Amino acid sequence: MLKRIWAPWRSKYVSGLGDPDSDLVSTTGGGTLFEKLLAVDEPDEQIGILWRGETCFALLNAHPYGSGHLMVVPNRRVADLADLTPAESQELWATVMAAVAAIRQAYTPEGINVGINIGAAAGAGVPDHLHVHCLPRWQGDTNFTTTVAEARVLPEPLSESWAKLKNAWPEQ
């Protein structure tokens, strides 16, 4: 029997992928998605921010590959690693290390992916604002559903992922 996995919250994301004025990629109307998130006057839990530093912050990926997928982002819009100041670079990598430690503590994964897509051709969803992806991985965590149905099954809501990672976040 065919089963359907409904994820209506993804429709805004999918419908905006080809739109250069989408909130996901637009640098008009208040900056990049990440700049807009930093400016939102909402509790960090509601917008997914896990940690704020002097020059960088960490937040959940709202469209994760799997539970626990987070990103480390410079506060300032920079498109490339070479554009970071020494202070930004130091805090970015220290925050990536803290993110990996939090993922290990919260999820006990068998592995962790850490990666950066620099530029649209490399797959960056927000090409003008560098961000580092960090996500837990397990043997066999991908299956036919992703390759055949182009869908992912996430075992927990983002609010639960946020709570787990926030509680596991090390002091920097």
Protein backbone atom coordinates (compact mmCIF):
# COMPACT_ATOMS: atom_id res chain seq x y z
CA MET A 1 0.00 0.00 0.00
CA LEU A 2 1.36 3.41 -0.99
CA LYS A 3 1.98 5.74 1.95
CA ARG A 4 2.12 9.48 1.63
CA ILE A 5 4.32 11.65 3.77
CA TRP A 6 2.85 15.14 4.00
CA ALA A 7 5.16 18.06 4.68
CA PRO A 8 3.11 21.16 3.78
CA TRP A 9 5.53 23.46 5.58
CA ARG A 10 8.01 22.80 2.74
CA SER A 11 5.77 24.27 0.01
CA LYS A 12 6.92 27.88 0.60
CA TYR A 13 10.54 26.74 0.34
CA VAL A 14 10.03 24.66 -2.80
CA SER A 15 7.94 27.30 -4.55
CA GLY A 16 10.60 29.95 -3.90
CA LEU A 17 13.61 28.04 -5.20
CA GLY A 18 13.51 29.53 -8.69
CA ASP A 19 12.44 33.01 -7.58
CA PRO A 20 15.37 35.44 -7.29
CA ASP A 21 13.22 37.67 -5.06
CA SER A 22 12.43 34.81 -2.68
CA ASP A 23 13.14 35.42 1.01
CA LEU A 24 15.55 32.49 0.74
CA VAL A 25 17.95 34.14 -1.66
CA SER A 26 17.00 37.80 -1.83
CA THR A 27 19.48 40.42 -0.72
CA THR A 28 16.88 43.16 -1.14
CA GLY A 29 14.32 44.27 1.40
CA GLY A 30 16.44 43.97 4.52
CA GLY A 31 19.28 41.64 3.62
CA THR A 32 19.82 37.92 3.34
CA LEU A 33 17.71 35.32 5.10
CA PHE A 34 20.32 35.14 7.86
CA GLU A 35 20.43 38.92 8.33
CA LYS A 36 16.63 38.95 8.51
CA LEU A 37 16.63 36.19 11.14
CA LEU A 38 19.13 38.09 13.29
CA ALA A 39 16.88 41.17 13.15
CA VAL A 40 13.64 39.36 14.07
CA ASP A 41 12.19 40.42 17.40
CA GLU A 42 11.12 36.92 18.47
CA PRO A 43 12.53 34.50 21.04
CA ASP A 44 15.50 32.50 19.73
CA GLU A 45 13.56 29.27 20.29
CA GLN A 46 10.88 30.38 17.81
CA ILE A 47 13.34 31.28 15.06
CA GLY A 48 15.73 28.41 15.76
CA ILE A 49 18.79 30.33 16.94
CA LEU A 50 20.83 28.11 19.27
CA TRP A 51 23.72 30.44 20.13
CA ARG A 52 24.75 34.05 19.47
CA GLY A 53 28.32 35.30 19.54
CA GLU A 54 30.13 38.55 18.81
CA THR A 55 30.56 37.80 15.09
CA CYS A 56 28.70 34.50 14.42
CA PHE A 57 25.61 32.57 15.41
CA ALA A 58 24.28 29.03 15.18
CA LEU A 59 20.76 28.05 14.19
CA LEU A 60 18.71 25.08 13.13
CA ASN A 61 18.29 24.45 9.44
CA ALA A 62 14.56 25.02 8.84
CA HIS A 63 14.72 22.56 5.92
CA PRO A 64 16.99 19.86 7.38
CA TYR A 65 18.48 16.78 5.78
CA GLY A 66 17.84 15.07 9.11
CA SER A 67 17.12 15.85 12.74
CA GLY A 68 19.85 17.90 14.39
CA HIS A 69 20.93 19.66 11.17
CA LEU A 70 22.22 23.10 12.12
CA MET A 71 24.23 25.89 10.55
CA VAL A 72 26.95 28.23 11.79
CA VAL A 73 26.76 31.66 10.17
CA PRO A 74 28.75 34.90 10.34
CA ASN A 75 26.56 37.79 11.54
CA ARG A 76 27.89 39.90 8.68
CA ARG A 77 27.07 38.98 5.11
CA VAL A 78 30.19 37.49 3.51
CA ALA A 79 30.13 35.22 0.49
CA ASP A 80 33.49 33.48 0.84
CA LEU A 81 35.86 32.27 3.54
CA ALA A 82 38.45 34.77 2.26
CA ASP A 83 36.03 37.59 3.13
CA LEU A 84 36.06 36.78 6.87
CA THR A 85 38.03 38.93 9.26
CA PRO A 86 40.47 37.05 11.52
CA ALA A 87 38.04 37.47 14.46
CA GLU A 88 35.12 36.15 12.39
CA SER A 89 37.16 33.19 11.17
CA GLN A 90 38.26 32.30 14.69
CA GLU A 91 34.74 32.50 16.11
CA LEU A 92 33.21 30.68 13.12
CA TRP A 93 35.49 27.65 13.54
CA ALA A 94 35.16 27.69 17.35
CA THR A 95 31.39 27.68 16.88
CA VAL A 96 31.59 24.82 14.37
CA MET A 97 33.54 22.86 17.00
CA ALA A 98 30.88 23.70 19.61
CA ALA A 99 28.15 22.64 17.17
CA VAL A 100 29.84 19.28 16.57
CA ALA A 101 30.17 18.77 20.34
CA ALA A 102 26.46 19.61 20.83
CA ILE A 103 25.44 17.21 18.05
CA ARG A 104 27.53 14.43 19.60
CA GLN A 105 26.03 15.06 23.05
CA ALA A 106 22.43 15.42 21.86
CA TYR A 107 22.27 12.65 19.24
CA THR A 108 25.20 10.24 19.75
CA PRO A 109 25.61 9.85 15.97
CA GLU A 110 27.94 7.42 14.22
CA GLY A 111 29.34 10.30 12.16
CA ILE A 112 28.94 14.01 11.50
CA ASN A 113 28.92 15.95 8.24
CA VAL A 114 30.45 19.44 8.29
CA GLY A 115 30.31 21.29 4.99
CA ILE A 116 30.15 24.59 3.15
CA ASN A 117 28.68 25.25 -0.29
CA ILE A 118 30.38 28.40 -1.58
CA GLY A 119 28.39 29.97 -4.42
CA ALA A 120 25.17 29.03 -6.18
CA ALA A 121 26.92 26.57 -8.51
CA ALA A 122 28.11 24.64 -5.44
CA GLY A 123 24.56 24.40 -4.12
CA ALA A 124 24.48 27.32 -1.68
CA GLY A 125 20.85 28.20 -0.96
CA VAL A 126 21.92 31.64 0.27
CA PRO A 127 24.96 32.23 -1.97
CA ASP A 128 25.78 35.74 -0.69
CA HIS A 129 25.98 34.69 2.96
CA LEU A 130 28.45 31.96 3.91
CA HIS A 131 27.14 29.26 6.25
CA VAL A 132 28.57 26.00 7.56
CA HIS A 133 26.27 22.97 7.75
CA CYS A 134 26.72 20.52 10.65
CA LEU A 135 24.57 17.42 10.89
CA PRO A 136 24.56 14.03 12.59
CA ARG A 137 24.77 10.89 10.48
CA TRP A 138 24.19 7.18 11.02
CA GLN A 139 24.86 4.11 8.90
CA GLY A 140 21.81 3.57 6.73
CA ASP A 141 20.21 6.96 7.45
CA THR A 142 19.43 7.38 3.77
CA ASN A 143 17.13 5.04 1.95
CA PHE A 144 14.96 4.64 -1.10
CA THR A 145 12.45 7.26 0.07
CA THR A 146 14.86 10.09 -0.71
CA THR A 147 16.05 8.68 -4.03
CA VAL A 148 12.71 7.41 -5.33
CA ALA A 149 10.13 9.72 -3.75
CA GLU A 150 12.39 12.76 -3.27
CA ALA A 151 11.20 12.99 0.34
CA ARG A 152 12.78 12.75 3.76
CA VAL A 153 11.29 11.40 6.92
CA LEU A 154 12.24 13.38 10.02
CA PRO A 155 11.64 11.62 13.35
CA GLU A 156 11.25 14.76 15.47
CA PRO A 157 9.86 18.29 15.08
CA LEU A 158 12.26 21.24 14.87
CA SER A 159 11.24 22.39 18.35
CA GLU A 160 12.50 19.11 19.82
CA SER A 161 15.75 19.33 17.84
CA TRP A 162 16.23 22.90 19.12
CA ALA A 163 15.69 21.85 22.75
CA LYS A 164 18.11 18.91 22.47
CA LEU A 165 20.86 20.97 20.85
CA LYS A 166 20.36 24.01 23.10
CA ASN A 167 20.65 21.81 26.21
CA ALA A 168 23.79 20.16 24.81
CA TRP A 169 25.46 23.39 23.62
CA PRO A 170 28.85 23.81 25.32
CA GLU A 171 29.95 27.09 26.84
CA GLN A 172 32.36 28.92 24.56
